[in-house]
Amino acid sequence: MTRLPSLQILLSFEASVRLRSFTRAAEELALTQGAVSQHVRALEARLDTRLFHRERLGVVPTGEAQHLALQVRQGLGVLERAFRLEPRQAKSPDPVRLRLSTLPSVARRWLAPRLQNFQRQHSNIDVQVEMGADLASLDHHDGVDVALRYGPGNWPSLRCDKLAEESIFPVASPTYLGPGPADDVDLSAYTLLRHPAQPWELWFQAAGLPLAESAEGPQFDDFDAYIDAAVAGQGVALVRRALVSEELENGQLVCPWKIETRDVHAYYLVWRPDSAKLAAIEALRLWLLSEFA
C-alpha cells in the first residue's frame, strides 16, 4: 500500500486552502505558522508540484490544490464519521431481588395495589413480598432484606426510616347506620367490632371521650375479616386510613363521626445498615414516601 501523508500534514493543507492563510490555519489547528508552512512544503515535495502561490497578503491555492483539498476534505469526513462515537446507552442497572416483609393487612390492602407502579419505574428491582404477623429479624439467615413495619420505630440495630403517620377513626357500612344522622361522638348505640391491633379503649382515651357502653361485637384476628364484617353491616370498626382507602372511596364504608386520633405508631421502612442492597432499598424508600404523601 502506498504510504500516505500524515494526518497532520493533510489537516494543515486543507485548512490552508480553506482559510487561504498559513497563519489562520495555524491558529485553527493550535500549531505554529512555521509548522503549517513546513507541512505544506512537505506535501508539495511529495507531489512534486506547487500547491500555493505565496503573495504579500497571504497564499492563494492553485487549481490542483483546490481539487486535492476537496478530496482530502471528503476523506477527512469519512474518517470523522468512522470514529465518531455514538453516545453510549446508559448501562442498565444489574437486576436486584429485594425480599420485603410486611403485615398481611398492609400487603393486601395497601402495598399490592400499588406495587406495579414501582416495578414499572424500577424494572431491575424484583420485589418479593413476604407476609407475616411476626417481625422479620432481617438477619443474614431469614433472607429478608427490608421490612415495611407499623410500630414505634425503635427496633435496635436496624435503620428505621419513618414513611408516614396514621389517623385512626371509626367506620361503618352506610346500611348499618341507616338514613338518620349519626351522633358526632356517641357510639353507645352501635356494636363495636374488635381487632387486637386497634383497641377501642385507647382510642376513646386519645379522643378524650368516655368509653361507650355499647354492645361488644366479635373480635377478629384477621384484618380483612374485620373489615369485611364492617362492610357487611355487623358493626363499627376502628381503622387506619391507609387500610380502608378503597372502601371509603367506593362508599362501602363511611365515617360520619367527625373525630380522628393520631396514632402513636407510624409506618417505617426498616433495613440493616450493612445491607448489600442499599441502592435498591433507597429506591424503594423514595417510592414509598411518594405513595404515602
Protein backbone atom coordinates (compact mmCIF):
# COMPACT_ATOMS: atom_id res chain seq x y z
CA MET A 1 0.00 0.00 0.00
CA THR A 2 1.28 3.44 -0.90
CA ARG A 3 2.38 5.26 2.20
CA LEU A 4 0.06 8.18 2.83
CA PRO A 5 0.99 11.63 4.13
CA SER A 6 0.49 12.05 7.84
CA LEU A 7 -2.89 13.20 9.09
CA GLN A 8 -1.33 16.38 10.46
CA ILE A 9 0.04 17.27 7.01
CA LEU A 10 -3.37 16.75 5.44
CA LEU A 11 -5.09 18.83 8.13
CA SER A 12 -2.60 21.68 7.65
CA PHE A 13 -3.06 21.58 3.89
CA GLU A 14 -6.87 21.50 4.00
CA ALA A 15 -7.07 24.37 6.50
CA SER A 16 -4.59 26.46 4.49
CA VAL A 17 -6.64 26.04 1.31
CA ARG A 18 -9.92 26.80 3.06
CA LEU A 19 -8.63 29.80 5.01
CA ARG A 20 -6.11 30.99 2.38
CA SER A 21 -3.62 31.67 5.14
CA PHE A 22 -0.93 29.66 6.87
CA THR A 23 -1.28 31.89 9.93
CA ARG A 24 -5.04 31.38 10.30
CA ALA A 25 -4.64 27.65 9.63
CA ALA A 26 -2.06 27.52 12.41
CA GLU A 27 -4.44 29.28 14.81
CA GLU A 28 -7.25 26.85 14.00
CA LEU A 29 -5.04 23.80 14.47
CA ALA A 30 -3.19 25.17 17.52
CA LEU A 31 0.13 24.97 15.68
CA THR A 32 2.80 27.50 14.84
CA GLN A 33 2.74 29.22 11.47
CA GLY A 34 6.13 27.69 10.75
CA ALA A 35 4.82 24.16 11.39
CA VAL A 36 1.92 24.63 8.96
CA SER A 37 4.25 26.06 6.33
CA GLN A 38 6.58 23.11 6.81
CA HIS A 39 3.69 20.64 6.41
CA VAL A 40 2.62 22.28 3.16
CA ARG A 41 6.17 22.24 1.80
CA ALA A 42 6.46 18.54 2.66
CA LEU A 43 3.26 17.80 0.71
CA GLU A 44 4.45 19.88 -2.23
CA ALA A 45 7.73 17.96 -2.24
CA ARG A 46 5.89 14.66 -2.12
CA LEU A 47 3.66 15.60 -5.05
CA ASP A 48 6.45 17.47 -6.80
CA THR A 49 4.16 20.37 -7.54
CA ARG A 50 3.43 23.83 -6.20
CA LEU A 51 0.16 23.99 -4.32
CA PHE A 52 0.13 27.66 -3.28
CA HIS A 53 1.16 30.97 -4.73
CA ARG A 54 2.85 32.92 -1.96
CA GLU A 55 1.77 36.55 -2.02
CA ARG A 56 2.34 39.51 0.28
CA LEU A 57 -1.17 39.38 1.76
CA GLY A 58 -1.36 35.61 2.05
CA VAL A 59 -1.36 32.47 -0.02
CA VAL A 60 -3.53 31.55 -2.99
CA PRO A 61 -4.15 27.83 -3.62
CA THR A 62 -3.61 26.58 -7.14
CA GLY A 63 -6.37 24.84 -9.06
CA GLU A 64 -4.74 21.49 -8.35
CA ALA A 65 -4.56 22.36 -4.66
CA GLN A 66 -8.27 23.19 -4.56
CA HIS A 67 -9.15 19.92 -6.28
CA LEU A 68 -6.91 17.95 -3.92
CA ALA A 69 -8.29 19.80 -0.89
CA LEU A 70 -11.82 18.78 -1.87
CA GLN A 71 -10.83 15.11 -1.93
CA VAL A 72 -8.89 15.45 1.32
CA ARG A 73 -11.92 17.12 2.93
CA GLN A 74 -14.14 14.24 1.82
CA GLY A 75 -11.65 11.71 3.17
CA LEU A 76 -11.41 13.52 6.49
CA GLY A 77 -15.21 13.46 6.68
CA VAL A 78 -15.20 9.70 6.21
CA LEU A 79 -12.64 9.32 8.98
CA GLU A 80 -14.58 11.62 11.28
CA ARG A 81 -17.78 9.64 10.78
CA ALA A 82 -15.96 6.36 11.29
CA PHE A 83 -14.54 7.46 14.63
CA ARG A 84 -17.50 9.48 15.84
CA LEU A 85 -18.63 7.59 18.92
CA GLU A 86 -22.36 7.36 19.33
CA PRO A 87 -23.49 8.26 22.82
CA ARG A 88 -23.32 5.09 24.80
CA GLN A 89 -26.59 3.89 26.09
CA ALA A 90 -26.74 4.02 29.84
CA LYS A 91 -25.89 0.66 31.21
CA SER A 92 -28.94 -0.98 32.68
CA PRO A 93 -28.53 -1.50 36.40
CA ASP A 94 -27.86 -5.05 37.45
CA PRO A 95 -31.02 -6.90 38.49
CA VAL A 96 -31.67 -6.98 42.23
CA ARG A 97 -34.03 -9.25 44.14
CA LEU A 98 -35.46 -7.47 47.17
CA ARG A 99 -37.32 -9.55 49.74
CA LEU A 100 -39.74 -7.36 51.67
CA SER A 101 -41.57 -8.41 54.83
CA THR A 102 -44.78 -6.76 55.98
CA LEU A 103 -48.10 -7.43 57.70
CA PRO A 104 -50.72 -9.27 55.64
CA SER A 105 -53.14 -6.35 56.04
CA VAL A 106 -50.60 -3.85 54.73
CA ALA A 107 -49.54 -6.14 51.89
CA ARG A 108 -53.07 -6.93 50.70
CA ARG A 109 -54.84 -3.65 51.32
CA TRP A 110 -52.15 -1.05 50.60
CA LEU A 111 -48.97 -2.38 49.03
CA ALA A 112 -50.24 -4.91 46.47
CA PRO A 113 -52.47 -2.48 44.52
CA ARG A 114 -49.56 -0.05 44.17
CA LEU A 115 -46.52 -2.28 43.71
CA GLN A 116 -46.83 -2.48 39.94
CA ASN A 117 -46.09 1.26 39.78
CA PHE A 118 -42.75 0.67 41.48
CA GLN A 119 -41.94 -2.24 39.16
CA ARG A 120 -42.61 -0.06 36.13
CA GLN A 121 -40.24 2.60 37.41
CA HIS A 122 -37.56 0.13 38.55
CA SER A 123 -37.73 -2.86 36.25
CA ASN A 124 -34.36 -4.12 37.50
CA ILE A 125 -35.64 -4.49 41.09
CA ASP A 126 -37.66 -7.63 41.71
CA VAL A 127 -39.65 -7.12 44.92
CA GLN A 128 -40.79 -10.31 46.62
CA VAL A 129 -43.37 -9.65 49.33
CA GLU A 130 -43.44 -11.96 52.34
CA MET A 131 -46.43 -11.60 54.66
CA GLY A 132 -46.37 -12.42 58.34
CA ALA A 133 -47.58 -11.16 61.69
CA ASP A 134 -44.18 -11.77 63.29
CA LEU A 135 -41.41 -9.25 62.73
CA ALA A 136 -38.72 -10.48 60.40
CA SER A 137 -35.31 -10.42 62.05
CA LEU A 138 -33.61 -9.07 58.91
CA ASP A 139 -30.51 -11.03 59.79
CA HIS A 140 -28.49 -12.93 57.24
CA HIS A 141 -30.40 -16.14 57.97
CA ASP A 142 -34.03 -15.27 57.21
CA GLY A 143 -33.15 -13.80 53.80
CA VAL A 144 -35.36 -10.72 54.27
CA ASP A 145 -33.73 -7.53 53.00
CA VAL A 146 -36.19 -4.88 54.12
CA ALA A 147 -39.43 -4.60 56.10
CA LEU A 148 -42.42 -2.29 55.92
CA ARG A 149 -43.49 -2.11 59.55
CA TYR A 150 -46.15 -0.35 61.56
CA GLY A 151 -44.97 0.39 65.05
CA PRO A 152 -42.94 2.63 67.37
CA GLY A 153 -39.87 2.83 65.13
CA ASN A 154 -37.32 1.86 67.77
CA TRP A 155 -36.05 -1.51 66.57
CA PRO A 156 -32.43 -1.93 67.75
CA SER A 157 -29.53 -2.38 65.33
CA LEU A 158 -31.73 -1.52 62.35
CA ARG A 159 -32.12 1.59 60.24
CA CYS A 160 -35.71 2.82 60.70
CA ASP A 161 -36.98 5.49 58.34
CA LYS A 162 -40.44 6.94 59.04
CA LEU A 163 -42.68 6.90 55.98
CA ALA A 164 -45.99 8.21 57.30
CA GLU A 165 -48.04 8.77 60.40
CA GLU A 166 -51.56 7.42 60.58
CA SER A 167 -55.03 8.54 61.64
CA ILE A 168 -57.42 6.21 63.46
CA PHE A 169 -61.18 6.62 63.31
CA PRO A 170 -64.40 4.55 63.38
CA VAL A 171 -66.14 3.46 60.18
CA ALA A 172 -69.28 1.54 59.36
CA SER A 173 -71.42 0.48 56.45
CA PRO A 174 -74.00 3.13 55.45
CA THR A 175 -76.67 0.42 55.50
CA TYR A 176 -75.77 -0.40 59.10
CA LEU A 177 -76.03 3.22 60.18
CA GLY A 178 -79.36 3.78 58.47
CA PRO A 179 -80.69 7.02 56.99
CA GLY A 180 -80.54 9.16 60.12
CA PRO A 181 -77.50 11.28 61.06
CA ALA A 182 -75.00 9.66 63.39
CA ASP A 183 -74.09 11.44 66.58
CA ASP A 184 -70.64 13.06 66.44
CA VAL A 185 -69.33 11.25 69.49
CA ASP A 186 -71.89 8.81 70.89
CA LEU A 187 -71.12 5.27 69.80
CA SER A 188 -73.13 3.59 72.52
CA ALA A 189 -75.93 2.73 70.11
CA TYR A 190 -73.67 0.62 67.92
CA THR A 191 -71.91 -2.72 68.09
CA LEU A 192 -68.15 -2.21 68.23
CA LEU A 193 -66.17 -4.74 66.24
CA ARG A 194 -62.82 -5.59 67.76
CA HIS A 195 -59.30 -6.21 66.47
CA PRO A 196 -56.27 -6.60 68.78
CA ALA A 197 -54.24 -4.05 66.82
CA GLN A 198 -56.90 -1.35 67.26
CA PRO A 199 -58.19 -1.41 70.87
CA TRP A 200 -61.21 0.79 71.39
CA GLU A 201 -60.19 1.73 74.94
CA LEU A 202 -57.06 3.52 73.76
CA TRP A 203 -58.97 5.32 71.03
CA PHE A 204 -61.63 6.66 73.42
CA GLN A 205 -58.87 7.78 75.76
CA ALA A 206 -56.93 9.53 72.98
CA ALA A 207 -60.13 11.16 71.73
CA GLY A 208 -60.95 12.40 75.22
CA LEU A 209 -64.27 10.57 75.25
CA PRO A 210 -65.86 8.28 77.83
CA LEU A 211 -65.75 4.63 76.91
CA ALA A 212 -69.01 3.80 75.16
CA GLU A 213 -71.20 1.27 76.89
CA SER A 214 -72.14 -0.40 73.65
CA ALA A 215 -72.73 -3.94 72.58
CA GLU A 216 -69.42 -5.73 72.36
CA GLY A 217 -69.08 -7.29 68.95
CA PRO A 218 -66.92 -10.19 67.79
CA GLN A 219 -63.14 -10.00 67.78
CA PHE A 220 -61.18 -10.74 64.61
CA ASP A 221 -57.52 -11.68 64.39
CA ASP A 222 -57.57 -11.28 60.61
CA PHE A 223 -57.84 -7.66 59.48
CA ASP A 224 -59.54 -8.48 56.18
CA ALA A 225 -62.28 -10.38 58.02
CA TYR A 226 -62.57 -7.46 60.42
CA ILE A 227 -63.18 -5.02 57.55
CA ASP A 228 -65.46 -7.47 55.75
CA ALA A 229 -67.62 -7.61 58.87
CA ALA A 230 -67.91 -3.83 58.91
CA VAL A 231 -68.78 -3.74 55.20
CA ALA A 232 -71.42 -6.43 55.82
CA GLY A 233 -73.09 -4.23 58.42
CA GLN A 234 -72.15 -6.17 61.54
CA GLY A 235 -70.93 -3.14 63.46
CA VAL A 236 -68.44 -0.28 63.71
CA ALA A 237 -64.74 -0.90 63.09
CA LEU A 238 -61.81 1.17 64.28
CA VAL A 239 -59.37 1.52 61.39
CA ARG A 240 -56.29 3.18 59.97
CA ARG A 241 -56.99 5.31 56.92
CA ALA A 242 -54.41 3.71 54.62
CA LEU A 243 -56.00 0.29 55.04
CA VAL A 244 -59.57 1.25 54.11
CA SER A 245 -58.98 3.90 51.45
CA GLU A 246 -60.67 1.79 48.77
CA GLU A 247 -63.80 1.10 50.85
CA LEU A 248 -64.08 4.77 51.78
CA GLU A 249 -63.68 5.82 48.17
CA ASN A 250 -66.33 3.47 46.80
CA GLY A 251 -68.76 4.15 49.64
CA GLN A 252 -68.76 0.69 51.22
CA LEU A 253 -67.65 2.32 54.45
CA VAL A 254 -68.32 5.81 55.75
CA CYS A 255 -67.04 7.87 58.64
CA PRO A 256 -69.85 10.09 59.90
CA TRP A 257 -68.19 10.71 63.27
CA LYS A 258 -66.14 13.88 62.96
CA ILE A 259 -63.27 12.80 65.13
CA GLU A 260 -59.91 11.21 64.41
CA THR A 261 -56.91 10.48 66.58
CA ARG A 262 -53.27 10.41 65.58
CA ASP A 263 -51.76 7.03 66.34
CA VAL A 264 -48.56 6.90 68.36
CA HIS A 265 -47.30 4.33 65.86
CA ALA A 266 -46.34 5.01 62.25
CA TYR A 267 -45.24 3.26 59.07
CA TYR A 268 -41.50 2.64 58.85
CA LEU A 269 -39.15 1.12 56.32
CA VAL A 270 -36.59 -0.95 58.20
CA TRP A 271 -33.33 -2.49 57.00
CA ARG A 272 -29.85 -3.42 58.12
CA PRO A 273 -27.29 -0.59 57.71
CA ASP A 274 -24.76 -3.06 56.29
CA SER A 275 -27.11 -4.41 53.62
CA ALA A 276 -25.55 -5.14 50.24
CA LYS A 277 -28.68 -3.82 48.52
CA LEU A 278 -28.73 -0.24 49.79
CA ALA A 279 -29.29 1.30 46.35
CA ALA A 280 -32.40 -0.80 45.74
CA ILE A 281 -33.65 -0.12 49.27
CA GLU A 282 -33.21 3.61 48.75
CA ALA A 283 -35.21 3.45 45.52
CA LEU A 284 -37.97 1.63 47.38
CA ARG A 285 -37.85 4.12 50.25
CA LEU A 286 -38.25 7.13 47.97
CA TRP A 287 -41.12 5.47 46.12
CA LEU A 288 -42.91 4.60 49.37
CA LEU A 289 -42.55 8.18 50.58
CA SER A 290 -44.19 9.45 47.40
CA GLU A 291 -47.02 6.92 47.68
CA PHE A 292 -47.74 7.77 51.31
CA ALA A 293 -47.62 11.52 50.65
